[in-house]
Amino acid sequence: GSMLAPSYNSRATKIAIIIRGRGYMEMACPHVSESQGHRGGGGGSGGEEEERSSERGRGEEEQHTSRVRVDEGGKEDEEQGARYQRISAELSPMTVFVAPAGHPLAIVADEDLHILCFETNSGFNHKYMVA
């Protein structure tokens, strides 16, 4: 497979729709870490796993399920004390994901992966490569 190098946008929010193929994405998110800290939960090891399903109707109904994983105990930036959680998800046709500005994102293709992306709020945006 191929990999889209880890990068993030300074201002733009990326909205992506998987058209064809399979793969996975990983994103660093400071907001999940903040919200978990305020909930007071988060004991235990490993991670939280959610299953989301959406239905699409054209004749016979088809069930589409994607897995989203949030790893506990994010990495801490020693200079600023910022905490980030790793969000990972399997990508398959008709999956949609959003990468807000300032969230580093990497995408890996397992098969012939086709993604349609839109960026909103892209005025004066800069794309920063992480690796």
N, C-alpha and C. Protein backbone atom coordinates (compact mmCIF):
# COMPACT_ATOMS: atom_id res chain seq x y z
N GLY A 1 0.81 -1.20 0.00
CA GLY A 1 0.00 0.00 0.00
C GLY A 1 0.85 1.25 0.00
N SER A 2 0.18 2.35 -0.06
CA SER A 2 0.81 3.67 -0.06
C SER A 2 0.42 4.43 1.19
N MET A 3 1.18 5.49 1.48
CA MET A 3 0.89 6.30 2.65
C MET A 3 0.92 7.77 2.28
N LEU A 4 -0.07 8.52 2.77
CA LEU A 4 -0.07 9.97 2.65
C LEU A 4 0.70 10.47 3.88
N ALA A 5 1.79 11.17 3.66
CA ALA A 5 2.66 11.60 4.76
C ALA A 5 1.87 12.39 5.81
N PRO A 6 2.21 12.22 7.08
CA PRO A 6 1.52 12.97 8.14
C PRO A 6 1.65 14.47 7.93
N SER A 7 0.52 15.15 7.98
CA SER A 7 0.50 16.61 7.80
C SER A 7 -0.73 17.18 8.48
N TYR A 8 -0.74 18.50 8.64
CA TYR A 8 -1.93 19.17 9.16
C TYR A 8 -2.07 20.53 8.52
N ASN A 9 -3.30 21.06 8.53
CA ASN A 9 -3.60 22.38 7.98
C ASN A 9 -3.64 23.39 9.11
N SER A 10 -3.19 24.61 8.81
CA SER A 10 -3.20 25.66 9.84
C SER A 10 -4.61 26.21 10.06
N ARG A 11 -5.42 26.28 9.01
CA ARG A 11 -6.77 26.86 9.14
C ARG A 11 -7.88 26.00 8.54
N ALA A 12 -7.56 25.23 7.52
CA ALA A 12 -8.59 24.49 6.78
C ALA A 12 -9.03 23.22 7.51
N THR A 13 -10.31 22.91 7.39
CA THR A 13 -10.87 21.65 7.86
C THR A 13 -11.05 20.75 6.65
N LYS A 14 -10.52 19.51 6.73
CA LYS A 14 -10.62 18.57 5.62
C LYS A 14 -11.81 17.64 5.84
N ILE A 15 -12.64 17.50 4.81
CA ILE A 15 -13.75 16.56 4.81
C ILE A 15 -13.45 15.54 3.71
N ALA A 16 -13.37 14.27 4.08
CA ALA A 16 -12.98 13.23 3.13
C ALA A 16 -14.03 12.15 3.03
N ILE A 17 -14.27 11.68 1.80
CA ILE A 17 -15.23 10.61 1.53
C ILE A 17 -14.46 9.52 0.78
N ILE A 18 -14.54 8.30 1.29
CA ILE A 18 -13.87 7.18 0.64
C ILE A 18 -14.77 6.69 -0.50
N ILE A 19 -14.24 6.74 -1.71
CA ILE A 19 -14.98 6.35 -2.91
C ILE A 19 -14.80 4.86 -3.21
N ARG A 20 -13.55 4.41 -3.12
CA ARG A 20 -13.24 3.02 -3.47
C ARG A 20 -11.99 2.59 -2.72
N GLY A 21 -11.88 1.30 -2.44
CA GLY A 21 -10.69 0.74 -1.81
C GLY A 21 -10.80 0.68 -0.30
N ARG A 22 -9.71 0.27 0.32
CA ARG A 22 -9.66 0.13 1.78
C ARG A 22 -8.34 0.67 2.29
N GLY A 23 -8.34 1.04 3.56
CA GLY A 23 -7.13 1.54 4.21
C GLY A 23 -7.46 1.93 5.64
N TYR A 24 -6.60 2.74 6.23
CA TYR A 24 -6.89 3.26 7.56
C TYR A 24 -6.27 4.64 7.72
N MET A 25 -6.78 5.37 8.70
CA MET A 25 -6.26 6.70 8.98
C MET A 25 -5.93 6.79 10.45
N GLU A 26 -4.97 7.66 10.77
CA GLU A 26 -4.63 7.98 12.15
C GLU A 26 -4.53 9.49 12.26
N MET A 27 -5.08 10.02 13.34
CA MET A 27 -5.08 11.47 13.56
C MET A 27 -4.77 11.74 15.02
N ALA A 28 -4.00 12.78 15.28
CA ALA A 28 -3.72 13.21 16.65
C ALA A 28 -4.75 14.28 17.01
N CYS A 29 -5.39 14.11 18.18
CA CYS A 29 -6.48 15.02 18.56
C CYS A 29 -6.31 15.52 19.99
N PRO A 30 -6.11 16.82 20.18
CA PRO A 30 -6.00 17.36 21.54
C PRO A 30 -7.37 17.49 22.21
N HIS A 31 -8.46 17.59 21.44
CA HIS A 31 -9.78 17.81 22.01
C HIS A 31 -10.33 16.58 22.71
N VAL A 32 -10.07 15.39 22.18
CA VAL A 32 -10.54 14.17 22.82
C VAL A 32 -9.88 14.04 24.18
N SER A 33 -8.60 14.36 24.25
CA SER A 33 -7.87 14.29 25.52
C SER A 33 -8.47 15.22 26.55
N GLU A 34 -8.80 16.46 26.13
CA GLU A 34 -9.39 17.44 27.05
C GLU A 34 -10.75 16.97 27.54
N SER A 35 -11.59 16.45 26.64
CA SER A 35 -12.93 16.05 27.04
C SER A 35 -12.89 14.82 27.94
N GLN A 36 -11.94 13.92 27.74
CA GLN A 36 -11.83 12.75 28.61
C GLN A 36 -11.40 13.16 30.00
N GLY A 37 -10.55 14.17 30.09
CA GLY A 37 -10.10 14.66 31.40
C GLY A 37 -11.24 15.28 32.17
N HIS A 38 -12.17 15.96 31.50
CA HIS A 38 -13.29 16.62 32.18
C HIS A 38 -14.37 15.63 32.60
N ARG A 39 -14.45 14.49 31.91
CA ARG A 39 -15.46 13.51 32.27
C ARG A 39 -15.11 12.76 33.53
N GLY A 40 -13.83 12.72 33.86
CA GLY A 40 -13.42 12.02 35.05
C GLY A 40 -13.28 10.53 34.83
N GLY A 41 -13.55 10.05 33.64
CA GLY A 41 -13.41 8.63 33.35
C GLY A 41 -12.02 8.35 32.84
N GLY A 42 -11.92 7.27 32.12
CA GLY A 42 -10.65 6.99 31.47
C GLY A 42 -9.78 6.03 32.24
N GLY A 43 -10.29 5.33 33.24
CA GLY A 43 -9.48 4.32 33.90
C GLY A 43 -9.33 3.14 32.97
N GLY A 44 -8.40 2.28 33.24
CA GLY A 44 -8.23 1.10 32.41
C GLY A 44 -7.20 1.33 31.34
N SER A 45 -6.83 0.25 30.68
CA SER A 45 -5.78 0.36 29.67
C SER A 45 -6.35 0.03 28.31
N GLY A 46 -5.52 0.24 27.29
CA GLY A 46 -5.96 -0.07 25.94
C GLY A 46 -6.65 1.10 25.32
N GLY A 47 -7.94 0.99 25.04
CA GLY A 47 -8.63 2.09 24.39
C GLY A 47 -10.11 1.88 24.39
N GLU A 48 -10.79 2.89 23.91
CA GLU A 48 -12.23 2.80 23.74
C GLU A 48 -12.48 2.49 22.29
N GLU A 49 -13.44 1.66 22.03
CA GLU A 49 -13.76 1.36 20.64
C GLU A 49 -15.22 1.61 20.41
N GLU A 50 -15.53 2.32 19.35
CA GLU A 50 -16.91 2.61 19.00
C GLU A 50 -17.19 1.99 17.66
N GLU A 51 -18.39 1.51 17.48
CA GLU A 51 -18.81 1.07 16.16
C GLU A 51 -19.93 1.99 15.72
N ARG A 52 -19.75 2.53 14.53
CA ARG A 52 -20.77 3.42 13.97
C ARG A 52 -21.30 2.77 12.73
N SER A 53 -22.59 2.82 12.60
CA SER A 53 -23.16 2.27 11.37
C SER A 53 -24.13 3.26 10.76
N SER A 54 -24.16 3.22 9.47
CA SER A 54 -25.11 4.07 8.75
C SER A 54 -25.75 3.21 7.68
N GLU A 55 -26.95 3.54 7.34
CA GLU A 55 -27.65 2.76 6.33
C GLU A 55 -27.79 3.57 5.06
N ARG A 56 -27.74 2.86 3.96
CA ARG A 56 -27.85 3.48 2.66
C ARG A 56 -28.93 2.73 1.91
N GLY A 57 -29.90 3.44 1.38
CA GLY A 57 -31.00 2.75 0.73
C GLY A 57 -31.06 2.99 -0.76
N ARG A 58 -30.96 1.94 -1.52
CA ARG A 58 -31.22 1.92 -2.95
C ARG A 58 -31.68 0.52 -3.23
N GLY A 59 -32.96 0.33 -3.28
CA GLY A 59 -33.46 -1.03 -3.40
C GLY A 59 -33.31 -1.74 -2.07
N GLU A 60 -32.36 -2.65 -2.00
CA GLU A 60 -32.12 -3.40 -0.78
C GLU A 60 -31.21 -2.58 0.15
N GLU A 61 -31.54 -2.54 1.44
CA GLU A 61 -30.74 -1.77 2.38
C GLU A 61 -29.44 -2.48 2.66
N GLU A 62 -28.36 -1.71 2.73
CA GLU A 62 -27.03 -2.23 2.97
C GLU A 62 -26.51 -1.61 4.25
N GLN A 63 -25.94 -2.41 5.14
CA GLN A 63 -25.40 -1.90 6.40
C GLN A 63 -23.91 -1.63 6.21
N HIS A 64 -23.46 -0.46 6.63
CA HIS A 64 -22.04 -0.09 6.54
C HIS A 64 -21.54 0.19 7.95
N THR A 65 -20.46 -0.48 8.35
CA THR A 65 -19.92 -0.30 9.69
C THR A 65 -18.46 0.06 9.58
N SER A 66 -18.02 1.04 10.37
CA SER A 66 -16.61 1.37 10.44
C SER A 66 -16.21 1.42 11.90
N ARG A 67 -14.99 1.06 12.18
CA ARG A 67 -14.48 1.06 13.55
C ARG A 67 -13.64 2.30 13.78
N VAL A 68 -13.87 2.94 14.91
CA VAL A 68 -13.07 4.09 15.30
C VAL A 68 -12.45 3.74 16.64
N ARG A 69 -11.15 3.94 16.77
CA ARG A 69 -10.46 3.60 18.01
C ARG A 69 -9.81 4.85 18.58
N VAL A 70 -10.01 5.06 19.88
CA VAL A 70 -9.39 6.18 20.59
C VAL A 70 -8.47 5.56 21.63
N ASP A 71 -7.17 5.80 21.49
CA ASP A 71 -6.21 5.25 22.45
C ASP A 71 -6.15 6.11 23.70
N GLU A 72 -6.15 5.46 24.86
CA GLU A 72 -6.04 6.16 26.15
C GLU A 72 -4.59 6.57 26.39
N GLY A 73 -4.39 7.49 27.32
CA GLY A 73 -3.04 7.85 27.77
C GLY A 73 -2.21 8.48 26.68
N GLY A 74 -2.71 9.51 26.05
CA GLY A 74 -2.05 10.16 24.93
C GLY A 74 -0.64 10.62 25.24
N LYS A 75 0.04 11.07 24.23
CA LYS A 75 1.41 11.57 24.35
C LYS A 75 1.40 12.99 24.88
N GLU A 76 2.40 13.33 25.67
CA GLU A 76 2.47 14.68 26.22
C GLU A 76 3.65 15.41 25.63
N ASP A 77 3.42 16.62 25.16
CA ASP A 77 4.46 17.48 24.63
C ASP A 77 5.13 18.15 25.83
N GLU A 78 6.43 17.89 26.02
CA GLU A 78 7.11 18.37 27.22
C GLU A 78 7.21 19.89 27.28
N GLU A 79 7.34 20.56 26.12
CA GLU A 79 7.47 22.02 26.11
C GLU A 79 6.19 22.71 26.55
N GLN A 80 5.06 22.33 25.98
CA GLN A 80 3.81 23.04 26.22
C GLN A 80 2.87 22.29 27.15
N GLY A 81 3.14 21.04 27.45
CA GLY A 81 2.25 20.27 28.31
C GLY A 81 0.96 19.86 27.60
N ALA A 82 0.93 19.92 26.26
CA ALA A 82 -0.27 19.54 25.52
C ALA A 82 -0.37 18.03 25.45
N ARG A 83 -1.59 17.51 25.52
CA ARG A 83 -1.83 16.07 25.41
C ARG A 83 -2.62 15.80 24.14
N TYR A 84 -2.24 14.73 23.46
CA TYR A 84 -2.91 14.34 22.22
C TYR A 84 -3.34 12.89 22.33
N GLN A 85 -4.52 12.60 21.82
CA GLN A 85 -5.00 11.23 21.73
C GLN A 85 -4.88 10.78 20.28
N ARG A 86 -4.54 9.52 20.08
CA ARG A 86 -4.47 8.97 18.73
C ARG A 86 -5.84 8.41 18.36
N ILE A 87 -6.40 8.93 17.28
CA ILE A 87 -7.66 8.45 16.74
C ILE A 87 -7.32 7.64 15.50
N SER A 88 -7.80 6.41 15.42
CA SER A 88 -7.55 5.62 14.22
C SER A 88 -8.87 5.01 13.75
N ALA A 89 -8.98 4.85 12.45
CA ALA A 89 -10.22 4.30 11.89
C ALA A 89 -9.91 3.52 10.62
N GLU A 90 -10.67 2.46 10.42
CA GLU A 90 -10.60 1.72 9.17
C GLU A 90 -11.37 2.50 8.12
N LEU A 91 -10.85 2.53 6.91
CA LEU A 91 -11.50 3.24 5.81
C LEU A 91 -12.01 2.24 4.78
N SER A 92 -13.24 2.41 4.39
CA SER A 92 -13.86 1.57 3.36
C SER A 92 -14.84 2.45 2.59
N PRO A 93 -15.33 1.98 1.45
CA PRO A 93 -16.23 2.82 0.64
C PRO A 93 -17.41 3.38 1.44
N MET A 94 -17.73 4.62 1.18
CA MET A 94 -18.82 5.38 1.80
C MET A 94 -18.50 5.82 3.24
N THR A 95 -17.24 5.68 3.69
CA THR A 95 -16.83 6.22 4.98
C THR A 95 -16.52 7.70 4.80
N VAL A 96 -16.94 8.51 5.75
CA VAL A 96 -16.66 9.94 5.74
C VAL A 96 -15.92 10.27 7.03
N PHE A 97 -14.86 11.08 6.93
CA PHE A 97 -14.20 11.55 8.14
C PHE A 97 -13.82 13.02 7.99
N VAL A 98 -13.64 13.67 9.13
CA VAL A 98 -13.32 15.09 9.17
C VAL A 98 -12.03 15.26 9.95
N ALA A 99 -11.10 16.04 9.39
CA ALA A 99 -9.85 16.37 10.06
C ALA A 99 -9.83 17.88 10.29
N PRO A 100 -10.12 18.32 11.53
CA PRO A 100 -10.12 19.76 11.82
C PRO A 100 -8.73 20.37 11.67
N ALA A 101 -8.68 21.66 11.53
CA ALA A 101 -7.41 22.38 11.45
C ALA A 101 -6.57 22.08 12.69
N GLY A 102 -5.26 21.91 12.48
CA GLY A 102 -4.36 21.67 13.60
C GLY A 102 -4.29 20.23 14.07
N HIS A 103 -4.95 19.32 13.37
CA HIS A 103 -4.95 17.90 13.75
C HIS A 103 -4.09 17.12 12.74
N PRO A 104 -2.89 16.67 13.12
CA PRO A 104 -2.07 15.89 12.19
C PRO A 104 -2.78 14.62 11.76
N LEU A 105 -2.67 14.30 10.46
CA LEU A 105 -3.41 13.19 9.86
C LEU A 105 -2.48 12.39 8.95
N ALA A 106 -2.56 11.06 9.03
CA ALA A 106 -1.85 10.18 8.10
C ALA A 106 -2.86 9.17 7.57
N ILE A 107 -2.76 8.84 6.29
CA ILE A 107 -3.66 7.88 5.65
C ILE A 107 -2.81 6.81 4.98
N VAL A 108 -3.18 5.55 5.20
CA VAL A 108 -2.47 4.42 4.59
C VAL A 108 -3.47 3.61 3.77
N ALA A 109 -3.11 3.31 2.53
CA ALA A 109 -3.97 2.54 1.63
C ALA A 109 -3.58 1.07 1.69
N ASP A 110 -4.58 0.20 1.91
CA ASP A 110 -4.36 -1.24 1.83
C ASP A 110 -4.60 -1.71 0.41
N GLU A 111 -5.59 -1.14 -0.24
CA GLU A 111 -5.93 -1.47 -1.62
C GLU A 111 -5.89 -0.18 -2.43
N ASP A 112 -6.40 -0.22 -3.62
CA ASP A 112 -6.50 0.93 -4.50
C ASP A 112 -7.47 1.94 -3.88
N LEU A 113 -6.97 2.83 -3.04
CA LEU A 113 -7.79 3.74 -2.25
C LEU A 113 -8.05 5.05 -3.01
N HIS A 114 -9.33 5.37 -3.22
CA HIS A 114 -9.73 6.62 -3.86
C HIS A 114 -10.48 7.45 -2.83
N ILE A 115 -10.00 8.67 -2.58
CA ILE A 115 -10.61 9.55 -1.59
C ILE A 115 -10.95 10.87 -2.25
N LEU A 116 -12.17 11.35 -2.01
CA LEU A 116 -12.60 12.66 -2.47
C LEU A 116 -12.54 13.60 -1.26
N CYS A 117 -11.71 14.66 -1.35
CA CYS A 117 -11.52 15.57 -0.22
C CYS A 117 -11.97 16.98 -0.56
N PHE A 118 -12.54 17.64 0.44
CA PHE A 118 -12.89 19.05 0.37
C PHE A 118 -12.22 19.73 1.55
N GLU A 119 -11.81 20.96 1.36
CA GLU A 119 -11.28 21.73 2.48
C GLU A 119 -12.08 23.01 2.62
N THR A 120 -12.56 23.26 3.83
CA THR A 120 -13.32 24.48 4.10
C THR A 120 -12.44 25.45 4.87
N ASN A 121 -12.77 26.71 4.82
CA ASN A 121 -12.02 27.72 5.56
C ASN A 121 -10.56 27.75 5.12
N SER A 122 -10.33 27.62 3.80
CA SER A 122 -8.96 27.45 3.32
C SER A 122 -8.22 28.75 3.00
N GLY A 123 -8.84 29.90 3.22
CA GLY A 123 -8.15 31.16 3.00
C GLY A 123 -6.98 31.32 3.95
N PHE A 124 -5.81 31.65 3.44
CA PHE A 124 -4.59 31.84 4.22
C PHE A 124 -4.16 30.57 4.96
N ASN A 125 -4.58 29.43 4.44
CA ASN A 125 -4.21 28.14 5.05
C ASN A 125 -2.79 27.76 4.63
N HIS A 126 -2.07 27.10 5.52
CA HIS A 126 -0.76 26.52 5.24
C HIS A 126 -0.81 25.05 5.61
N LYS A 127 -0.25 24.21 4.75
CA LYS A 127 -0.18 22.79 5.05
C LYS A 127 1.22 22.51 5.59
N TYR A 128 1.28 21.90 6.78
CA TYR A 128 2.55 21.60 7.42
C TYR A 128 2.77 20.10 7.41
N MET A 129 3.94 19.68 6.90
CA MET A 129 4.30 18.28 6.89
C MET A 129 4.94 17.95 8.25
N VAL A 130 4.49 16.85 8.85
CA VAL A 130 4.98 16.48 10.18
C VAL A 130 6.26 15.64 10.08
N ALA A 131 6.30 14.74 9.11
CA ALA A 131 7.49 13.86 9.00
C ALA A 131 8.23 14.12 7.71
